C-alpha atoms as a PDB file:
ATOM      1  CA  MET A   1      15.045 -11.158  -4.248  1.00  0.00           C
ATOM      2  CA  ARG A   2      14.746 -10.123  -0.829  1.00  0.00           C
ATOM      3  CA  ILE A   3      11.719  -7.920   0.206  1.00  0.00           C
ATOM      4  CA  GLY A   4      12.015  -6.564   3.822  1.00  0.00           C
ATOM      5  CA  ILE A   5       8.375  -5.763   5.226  1.00  0.00           C
ATOM      6  CA  LEU A   6       8.363  -2.961   7.598  1.00  0.00           C
ATOM      7  CA  LYS A   7       5.522  -3.502   9.928  1.00  0.00           C
ATOM      8  CA  CYS A   8       3.798  -0.186  10.808  1.00  0.00           C
ATOM      9  CA  GLY A   9       1.251  -1.766  12.825  1.00  0.00           C
ATOM     10  CA  GLN A  10      -0.185  -5.130  13.476  1.00  0.00           C
ATOM     11  CA  SER A  11      -3.613  -6.672  12.767  1.00  0.00           C
ATOM     12  CA  PRO A  12      -5.866  -6.590  15.655  1.00  0.00           C
ATOM     13  CA  GLU A  13      -5.040  -9.124  18.181  1.00  0.00           C
ATOM     14  CA  ILE A  14      -8.344 -10.761  18.547  1.00  0.00           C
ATOM     15  CA  ILE A  15      -8.565 -12.159  15.058  1.00  0.00           C
ATOM     16  CA  ARG A  16      -4.601 -12.293  14.461  1.00  0.00           C
ATOM     17  CA  GLY A  17      -4.600 -15.851  15.481  1.00  0.00           C
ATOM     18  CA  GLU A  18      -6.743 -16.949  12.643  1.00  0.00           C
ATOM     19  CA  PHE A  19      -5.823 -14.716   9.863  1.00  0.00           C
ATOM     20  CA  GLY A  20      -1.890 -13.485  10.775  1.00  0.00           C
ATOM     21  CA  ASP A  21      -0.177 -10.353  11.341  1.00  0.00           C
ATOM     22  CA  TYR A  22       0.280  -7.806   8.394  1.00  0.00           C
ATOM     23  CA  ASP A  23       3.701  -9.542   7.539  1.00  0.00           C
ATOM     24  CA  SER A  24       2.310 -13.025   6.757  1.00  0.00           C
ATOM     25  CA  MET A  25      -0.708 -11.517   4.820  1.00  0.00           C
ATOM     26  CA  PHE A  26       2.049 -10.115   2.319  1.00  0.00           C
ATOM     27  CA  GLU A  27       4.054 -12.899   2.370  1.00  0.00           C
ATOM     28  CA  LYS A  28       1.169 -14.966   1.595  1.00  0.00           C
ATOM     29  CA  LEU A  29      -0.174 -12.634  -1.209  1.00  0.00           C
ATOM     30  CA  LEU A  30       3.131 -12.577  -3.185  1.00  0.00           C
ATOM     31  CA  GLU A  31       4.019 -16.183  -2.409  1.00  0.00           C
ATOM     32  CA  GLY A  32       5.672 -18.293  -5.210  1.00  0.00           C
ATOM     33  CA  ARG A  33       6.712 -15.081  -6.902  1.00  0.00           C
ATOM     34  CA  GLY A  34      10.688 -15.640  -6.255  1.00  0.00           C
ATOM     35  CA  PHE A  35      10.578 -13.474  -3.040  1.00  0.00           C
ATOM     36  CA  SER A  36      12.194 -14.126   0.328  1.00  0.00           C
ATOM     37  CA  PHE A  37      11.156 -11.941   3.019  1.00  0.00           C
ATOM     38  CA  GLN A  38      12.070 -10.613   6.631  1.00  0.00           C
ATOM     39  CA  SER A  39      10.258  -8.272   8.496  1.00  0.00           C
ATOM     40  CA  TRP A  40      10.792  -5.369  10.977  1.00  0.00           C
ATOM     41  CA  HIS A  41       8.228  -4.246  13.229  1.00  0.00           C
ATOM     42  CA  VAL A  42       9.273  -0.195  13.106  1.00  0.00           C
ATOM     43  CA  GLU A  43       5.877   0.730  14.855  1.00  0.00           C
ATOM     44  CA  ALA A  44       7.937  -0.645  17.692  1.00  0.00           C
ATOM     45  CA  MET A  45      11.168   0.982  16.729  1.00  0.00           C
ATOM     46  CA  GLU A  46      12.432  -2.140  15.360  1.00  0.00           C
ATOM     47  CA  PHE A  47      14.384  -0.619  12.246  1.00  0.00           C
ATOM     48  CA  PRO A  48      16.596  -2.223   9.379  1.00  0.00           C
ATOM     49  CA  ALA A  49      20.034  -1.160  10.040  1.00  0.00           C
ATOM     50  CA  SER A  50      20.455   0.032   6.558  1.00  0.00           C
ATOM     51  CA  VAL A  51      18.243   0.822   3.300  1.00  0.00           C
ATOM     52  CA  ALA A  52      20.370  -2.007   1.933  1.00  0.00           C
ATOM     53  CA  ALA A  53      19.497  -4.813   4.157  1.00  0.00           C
ATOM     54  CA  ALA A  54      16.918  -5.766   1.285  1.00  0.00           C
ATOM     55  CA  ASP A  55      16.176  -5.412  -2.314  1.00  0.00           C
ATOM     56  CA  GLY A  56      12.910  -3.554  -2.020  1.00  0.00           C
ATOM     57  CA  TRP A  57      10.732  -2.343   0.729  1.00  0.00           C
ATOM     58  CA  LEU A  58       7.151  -3.017   1.581  1.00  0.00           C
ATOM     59  CA  LEU A  59       5.365  -0.317   4.233  1.00  0.00           C
ATOM     60  CA  THR A  60       2.461  -2.184   5.711  1.00  0.00           C
ATOM     61  CA  GLY A  61      -1.243  -0.384   6.932  1.00  0.00           C
ATOM     62  CA  SER A  62      -1.506   0.654  10.478  1.00  0.00           C
ATOM     63  CA  ARG A  63      -3.870   2.105  12.963  1.00  0.00           C
ATOM     64  CA  HIS A  64      -2.182   5.466  13.267  1.00  0.00           C
ATOM     65  CA  GLY A  65      -2.217   8.504  11.128  1.00  0.00           C
ATOM     66  CA  VAL A  66       0.966   9.612   9.404  1.00  0.00           C
ATOM     67  CA  TYR A  67       0.208  13.045  10.614  1.00  0.00           C
ATOM     68  CA  GLU A  68       0.133  12.080  14.220  1.00  0.00           C
ATOM     69  CA  ASN A  69       3.057  12.235  17.217  1.00  0.00           C
ATOM     70  CA  HIS A  70       4.562   8.719  17.353  1.00  0.00           C
ATOM     71  CA  PRO A  71       8.021   8.149  17.915  1.00  0.00           C
ATOM     72  CA  PHE A  72       8.464   5.760  14.619  1.00  0.00           C
ATOM     73  CA  ILE A  73       7.130   8.306  12.279  1.00  0.00           C
ATOM     74  CA  PRO A  74      10.166  10.743  11.742  1.00  0.00           C
ATOM     75  CA  PRO A  75      12.748   7.742  11.523  1.00  0.00           C
ATOM     76  CA  LEU A  76      10.346   5.881   9.280  1.00  0.00           C
ATOM     77  CA  GLU A  77      10.120   8.964   7.088  1.00  0.00           C
ATOM     78  CA  SER A  78      13.965   9.364   6.989  1.00  0.00           C
ATOM     79  CA  PHE A  79      14.512   5.838   5.924  1.00  0.00           C
ATOM     80  CA  ILE A  80      11.694   6.214   3.254  1.00  0.00           C
ATOM     81  CA  ARG A  81      13.711   9.223   1.694  1.00  0.00           C
ATOM     82  CA  GLU A  82      17.079   7.360   1.980  1.00  0.00           C
ATOM     83  CA  ALA A  83      15.717   4.293   0.333  1.00  0.00           C
ATOM     84  CA  TYR A  84      14.072   6.694  -2.737  1.00  0.00           C
ATOM     85  CA  ARG A  85      17.641   8.412  -3.060  1.00  0.00           C
ATOM     86  CA  ALA A  86      19.070   4.898  -3.285  1.00  0.00           C
ATOM     87  CA  ASP A  87      17.098   3.795  -5.501  1.00  0.00           C
ATOM     88  CA  ILE A  88      15.656   0.929  -3.509  1.00  0.00           C
ATOM     89  CA  PRO A  89      12.266   0.164  -4.656  1.00  0.00           C
ATOM     90  CA  LEU A  90       9.295   1.026  -1.999  1.00  0.00           C
ATOM     91  CA  VAL A  91       5.768  -0.537  -1.934  1.00  0.00           C
ATOM     92  CA  GLY A  92       3.336   1.284   0.295  1.00  0.00           C
ATOM     93  CA  ILE A  93      -0.057  -0.107   1.120  1.00  0.00           C
ATOM     94  CA  CYS A  94      -2.374   2.096   3.228  1.00  0.00           C
ATOM     95  CA  PHE A  95      -0.466   3.722   5.947  1.00  0.00           C
ATOM     96  CA  GLY A  96       2.207   2.540   3.772  1.00  0.00           C
ATOM     97  CA  HIS A  97       0.762   4.767   0.703  1.00  0.00           C
ATOM     98  CA  GLN A  98       0.481   7.757   3.035  1.00  0.00           C
ATOM     99  CA  ILE A  99       3.440   7.973   4.653  1.00  0.00           C
ATOM    100  CA  ILE A 100       5.726   7.499   1.470  1.00  0.00           C
ATOM    101  CA  ALA A 101       3.713  10.406   0.150  1.00  0.00           C
ATOM    102  CA  GLN A 102       4.320  12.526   3.309  1.00  0.00           C
ATOM    103  CA  ALA A 103       7.834  11.477   3.397  1.00  0.00           C
ATOM    104  CA  LEU A 104       8.396  12.907  -0.118  1.00  0.00           C
ATOM    105  CA  GLY A 105       6.385  15.685   0.176  1.00  0.00           C
ATOM    106  CA  GLY A 106       2.511  14.993  -0.059  1.00  0.00           C
ATOM    107  CA  THR A 107      -0.247  16.012   2.147  1.00  0.00           C
ATOM    108  CA  VAL A 108      -2.525  13.320   4.145  1.00  0.00           C
ATOM    109  CA  ILE A 109      -4.946  14.340   6.089  1.00  0.00           C
ATOM    110  CA  LYS A 110      -8.610  12.731   7.653  1.00  0.00           C
ATOM    111  CA  SER A 111     -11.120  13.304   4.910  1.00  0.00           C
ATOM    112  CA  PRO A 112     -14.232  15.126   5.323  1.00  0.00           C
ATOM    113  CA  LYS A 113     -15.494  12.237   2.958  1.00  0.00           C
ATOM    114  CA  GLY A 114     -15.574   9.797   5.804  1.00  0.00           C
ATOM    115  CA  TRP A 115     -15.014   6.055   5.507  1.00  0.00           C
ATOM    116  CA  ALA A 116     -14.350   3.767   2.771  1.00  0.00           C
ATOM    117  CA  ALA A 117     -14.863   0.015   4.150  1.00  0.00           C
ATOM    118  CA  GLY A 118     -15.031  -3.115   2.333  1.00  0.00           C
ATOM    119  CA  PRO A 119     -14.983  -3.889  -1.258  1.00  0.00           C
ATOM    120  CA  GLN A 120     -14.310  -1.144  -3.683  1.00  0.00           C
ATOM    121  CA  ASP A 121     -14.101  -0.748  -7.232  1.00  0.00           C
ATOM    122  CA  TYR A 122     -10.990   1.281  -8.850  1.00  0.00           C
ATOM    123  CA  ASP A 123      -9.926   2.532 -11.796  1.00  0.00           C
ATOM    124  CA  PHE A 124      -6.408   1.466 -12.615  1.00  0.00           C
ATOM    125  CA  ASP A 125      -5.379   3.413 -15.777  1.00  0.00           C
ATOM    126  CA  GLY A 126      -8.523   2.248 -17.419  1.00  0.00           C
ATOM    127  CA  GLU A 127      -9.083  -1.143 -15.990  1.00  0.00           C
ATOM    128  CA  LYS A 128     -11.478  -1.971 -13.180  1.00  0.00           C
ATOM    129  CA  ILE A 129      -9.740  -3.381  -9.870  1.00  0.00           C
ATOM    130  CA  THR A 130     -11.865  -4.209  -6.762  1.00  0.00           C
ATOM    131  CA  LEU A 131     -10.225  -4.375  -3.369  1.00  0.00           C
ATOM    132  CA  ASN A 132     -11.112  -4.126   0.201  1.00  0.00           C
ATOM    133  CA  ALA A 133     -10.296  -0.980   1.724  1.00  0.00           C
ATOM    134  CA  TRP A 134     -10.539   0.196   5.308  1.00  0.00           C
ATOM    135  CA  HIS A 135      -9.496   3.742   5.839  1.00  0.00           C
ATOM    136  CA  GLN A 136     -10.610   7.472   6.600  1.00  0.00           C
ATOM    137  CA  ASP A 137      -7.169   9.340   5.801  1.00  0.00           C
ATOM    138  CA  GLN A 138      -6.395  10.095   1.953  1.00  0.00           C
ATOM    139  CA  VAL A 139      -3.274  11.637   0.442  1.00  0.00           C
ATOM    140  CA  VAL A 140      -4.864  14.831  -0.994  1.00  0.00           C
ATOM    141  CA  ALA A 141      -1.645  16.623  -2.674  1.00  0.00           C
ATOM    142  CA  LEU A 142       1.158  14.489  -4.390  1.00  0.00           C
ATOM    143  CA  PRO A 143       4.610  14.688  -4.017  1.00  0.00           C
ATOM    144  CA  PRO A 144       6.568  16.323  -7.064  1.00  0.00           C
ATOM    145  CA  ASP A 145       7.407  12.960  -8.548  1.00  0.00           C
ATOM    146  CA  ALA A 146       4.242  10.832  -8.148  1.00  0.00           C
ATOM    147  CA  ARG A 147       1.321  10.644 -10.642  1.00  0.00           C
ATOM    148  CA  THR A 148      -1.945   9.065 -10.210  1.00  0.00           C
ATOM    149  CA  ALA A 149      -2.256   5.217 -11.359  1.00  0.00           C
ATOM    150  CA  GLY A 150      -5.311   4.177  -9.622  1.00  0.00           C
ATOM    151  CA  HIS A 151      -8.505   6.207  -8.318  1.00  0.00           C
ATOM    152  CA  ASN A 152     -12.375   6.477  -7.813  1.00  0.00           C
ATOM    153  CA  GLU A 153     -14.959   8.734  -7.047  1.00  0.00           C
ATOM    154  CA  PHE A 154     -14.167   8.808  -3.153  1.00  0.00           C
ATOM    155  CA  CYS A 155     -10.495   8.046  -3.566  1.00  0.00           C
ATOM    156  CA  GLU A 156      -8.924  10.651  -5.932  1.00  0.00           C
ATOM    157  CA  ASN A 157      -5.335   9.302  -5.049  1.00  0.00           C
ATOM    158  CA  ALA A 158      -6.054   5.639  -4.606  1.00  0.00           C
ATOM    159  CA  ALA A 159      -2.676   4.382  -5.924  1.00  0.00           C
ATOM    160  CA  LEU A 160       0.269   6.507  -7.131  1.00  0.00           C
ATOM    161  CA  ILE A 161       3.335   5.635  -8.865  1.00  0.00           C
ATOM    162  CA  TYR A 162       6.617   7.302  -8.774  1.00  0.00           C
ATOM    163  CA  GLY A 163       8.569   6.354 -11.862  1.00  0.00           C
ATOM    164  CA  ASN A 164      10.483   3.184 -10.971  1.00  0.00           C
ATOM    165  CA  GLN A 165      10.807   3.962  -7.257  1.00  0.00           C
ATOM    166  CA  ALA A 166       7.444   3.775  -5.593  1.00  0.00           C
ATOM    167  CA  PHE A 167       4.038   2.160  -6.357  1.00  0.00           C
ATOM    168  CA  THR A 168       1.491   2.673  -3.219  1.00  0.00           C
ATOM    169  CA  ILE A 169      -1.860   1.759  -2.932  1.00  0.00           C
ATOM    170  CA  GLN A 170      -4.630   3.124  -0.727  1.00  0.00           C
ATOM    171  CA  ALA A 171      -6.798  -0.002  -0.046  1.00  0.00           C
ATOM    172  CA  HIS A 172      -5.704  -3.151   0.868  1.00  0.00           C
ATOM    173  CA  PRO A 173      -4.991  -6.383  -1.603  1.00  0.00           C
ATOM    174  CA  GLU A 174      -3.667  -8.341   1.327  1.00  0.00           C
ATOM    175  CA  PHE A 175      -7.046  -8.089   2.861  1.00  0.00           C
ATOM    176  CA  ARG A 176      -9.443 -11.322   1.913  1.00  0.00           C
ATOM    177  CA  ASP A 177     -13.041 -10.753   3.340  1.00  0.00           C
ATOM    178  CA  GLY A 178     -12.959 -12.807   5.955  1.00  0.00           C
ATOM    179  CA  PHE A 179     -10.212 -10.384   7.601  1.00  0.00           C
ATOM    180  CA  VAL A 180     -12.975  -7.362   6.847  1.00  0.00           C
ATOM    181  CA  GLU A 181     -15.622  -9.070   8.178  1.00  0.00           C
ATOM    182  CA  GLY A 182     -13.291  -9.676  11.566  1.00  0.00           C
ATOM    183  CA  LEU A 183     -12.570  -5.918  11.366  1.00  0.00           C
ATOM    184  CA  ILE A 184     -16.400  -5.308  10.965  1.00  0.00           C
ATOM    185  CA  ALA A 185     -17.298  -7.483  14.103  1.00  0.00           C
ATOM    186  CA  HIS A 186     -14.456  -5.988  16.386  1.00  0.00           C
ATOM    187  CA  ARG A 187     -13.200  -2.483  14.727  1.00  0.00           C
ATOM    188  CA  SER A 188     -16.185  -0.931  13.278  1.00  0.00           C
ATOM    189  CA  ALA A 189     -18.475  -0.236  16.067  1.00  0.00           C
ATOM    190  CA  GLY A 190     -18.977   3.433  17.127  1.00  0.00           C
ATOM    191  CA  VAL A 191     -16.247   4.264  14.172  1.00  0.00           C
ATOM    192  CA  VAL A 192     -17.598   3.363  11.008  1.00  0.00           C
ATOM    193  CA  PRO A 193     -21.324   4.449  10.012  1.00  0.00           C
ATOM    194  CA  ALA A 194     -23.493   1.631   9.869  1.00  0.00           C
ATOM    195  CA  ASP A 195     -24.734   2.236   6.836  1.00  0.00           C
ATOM    196  CA  LEU A 196     -21.389   1.846   5.154  1.00  0.00           C
ATOM    197  CA  VAL A 197     -20.963  -1.146   7.246  1.00  0.00           C
ATOM    198  CA  ALA A 198     -24.073  -2.680   5.896  1.00  0.00           C
ATOM    199  CA  GLY A 199     -22.931  -1.788   2.397  1.00  0.00           C
ATOM    200  CA  ALA A 200     -19.557  -3.383   3.390  1.00  0.00           C
ATOM    201  CA  ARG A 201     -21.424  -6.656   4.497  1.00  0.00           C
ATOM    202  CA  ALA A 202     -23.378  -6.898   1.214  1.00  0.00           C
ATOM    203  CA  ARG A 203     -20.462  -6.723  -0.855  1.00  0.00           C
ATOM    204  CA  LEU A 204     -18.325  -9.511   0.646  1.00  0.00           C
ATOM    205  CA  GLY A 205     -17.709 -12.235  -1.249  1.00  0.00           C
ATOM    206  CA  THR A 206     -18.639 -10.861  -4.495  1.00  0.00           C
ATOM    207  CA  GLY A 207     -14.824 -11.325  -5.830  1.00  0.00           C
ATOM    208  CA  LEU A 208     -11.665  -9.199  -5.586  1.00  0.00           C
ATOM    209  CA  ASP A 209      -8.976  -8.494  -7.537  1.00  0.00           C
ATOM    210  CA  CYS A 210      -6.148  -9.234  -5.152  1.00  0.00           C
ATOM    211  CA  ASP A 211      -4.194 -11.306  -7.598  1.00  0.00           C
ATOM    212  CA  ARG A 212      -3.883  -8.621 -10.192  1.00  0.00           C
ATOM    213  CA  ILE A 213      -2.281  -6.587  -7.696  1.00  0.00           C
ATOM    214  CA  ALA A 214      -0.151  -8.973  -6.539  1.00  0.00           C
ATOM    215  CA  SER A 215       1.362  -9.396 -10.175  1.00  0.00           C
ATOM    216  CA  ARG A 216       1.655  -5.450 -10.426  1.00  0.00           C
ATOM    217  CA  ILE A 217       3.888  -5.431  -7.178  1.00  0.00           C
ATOM    218  CA  GLU A 218       5.711  -8.178  -8.524  1.00  0.00           C
ATOM    219  CA  ALA A 219       6.273  -6.559 -11.689  1.00  0.00           C
ATOM    220  CA  PHE A 220       7.184  -3.313 -10.154  1.00  0.00           C
ATOM    221  CA  PHE A 221       9.913  -4.814  -7.774  1.00  0.00           C
ATOM    222  CA  LYS A 222      11.211  -6.408 -10.828  1.00  0.00           C
ATOM    223  CA  LEU A 223      11.615  -3.363 -12.858  1.00  0.00           C
ATOM    224  CA  PRO A 224      15.466  -2.882 -13.669  1.00  0.00           C
ATOM    225  CA  ARG A 225      16.586   0.079 -11.762  1.00  0.00           C
ATOM    226  CA  GLY A 226      19.824   2.378 -12.122  1.00  0.00           C
ATOM    227  CA  SER A 227      19.013   3.319 -15.779  1.00  0.00           C
ATOM    228  CA  ALA A 228      18.298   6.477 -17.223  1.00  0.00           C
ATOM    229  CA  GLU A 229      15.557   5.409 -19.257  1.00  0.00           C
ATOM    230  CA  LEU A 230      13.644   4.415 -16.118  1.00  0.00           C
ATOM    231  CA  SER A 231      13.912   7.534 -14.632  1.00  0.00           C
ATOM    232  CA  VAL A 232      11.315   9.942 -13.510  1.00  0.00           C
ATOM    233  CA  GLY A 233      10.702  13.290 -15.092  1.00  0.00           C
ATOM    234  CA  GLY A 234       8.231  15.430 -13.200  1.00  0.00           C
ATOM    235  CA  ASP A 235       5.134  13.548 -13.311  1.00  0.00           C
ATOM    236  CA  LYS A 236       5.706  11.057 -16.221  1.00  0.00           C
ATOM    237  CA  SER A 237       7.224   7.988 -15.825  1.00  0.00           C
ATOM    238  CA  VAL A 238       9.295   6.574 -19.146  1.00  0.00           C
ATOM    239  CA  LEU A 239       9.109   2.854 -18.555  1.00  0.00           C
ATOM    240  CA  SER A 240       9.604   0.804 -21.274  1.00  0.00           C
ATOM    241  CA  GLN A 241       6.245  -0.111 -22.945  1.00  0.00           C
ATOM    242  CA  ASP A 242       6.914  -4.080 -21.965  1.00  0.00           C
ATOM    243  CA  ASN A 243       7.316  -2.952 -18.414  1.00  0.00           C
ATOM    244  CA  ARG A 244       4.875  -0.125 -18.607  1.00  0.00           C
ATOM    245  CA  SER A 245       2.301  -3.005 -19.676  1.00  0.00           C
ATOM    246  CA  MET A 246       3.521  -5.268 -17.005  1.00  0.00           C
ATOM    247  CA  LEU A 247       2.624  -2.610 -14.169  1.00  0.00           C
ATOM    248  CA  GLN A 248      -0.381  -1.551 -15.532  1.00  0.00           C
ATOM    249  CA  LYS A 249      -2.426  -4.873 -16.373  1.00  0.00           C
ATOM    250  CA  GLY A 250      -0.905  -7.214 -13.884  1.00  0.00           C
ATOM    251  CA  ASP A 251      -2.674 -10.384 -14.754  1.00  0.00           C
ATOM    252  CA  ALA A 252      -1.818 -13.223 -12.899  1.00  0.00           C
END
């Protein structure tokens, strides 16, 4: 299965040589699961010729806000809507989570709650999942087709599922602890409050569930498409029970 990675930003140059760019992080996260990959740097206005250039699309994080005025955002939103109408699956992470929501009618803001940094615990349909986060922006109003699939007290819409068409996550399953330590060292000063930085550092190394989320992403991309039984009505997905179980549990 061909997965197109839409790079909405790049990892900090100062740590990119050690940890890679966002596309290579996702290739590592999903390696051995039957996918091939090609990347387009959409932040630099490099777009695929067609939504049919891949079997599924994965949108990465970015330093930008989706509500900001950047040249790549309007064509990216148009691409998202076209892929969605064509029933080509979309996965979005952090900025990708937010831009898919905004493109499909949701609302994203810079949250007055402030920052989430480092390992965070989420409830994914009753299952505790721990992932690294690095964000202040949040989805605060859902698009019509979306339902919440993961949340915690800080982030009510930490993961969204749009039937069999899109699956998005606010946190970063591709971020391992070493990369977050690099963000703390090079991106946190004067931006992320010191107490949150201290809390993030204290939890590094205590365990992440990246592979569980990788399995959920794999299961989502491999869902059968084009069937009436797999459509979305309002906020309810009617996935088959077997596929629902794969997506909800995502055991490696």
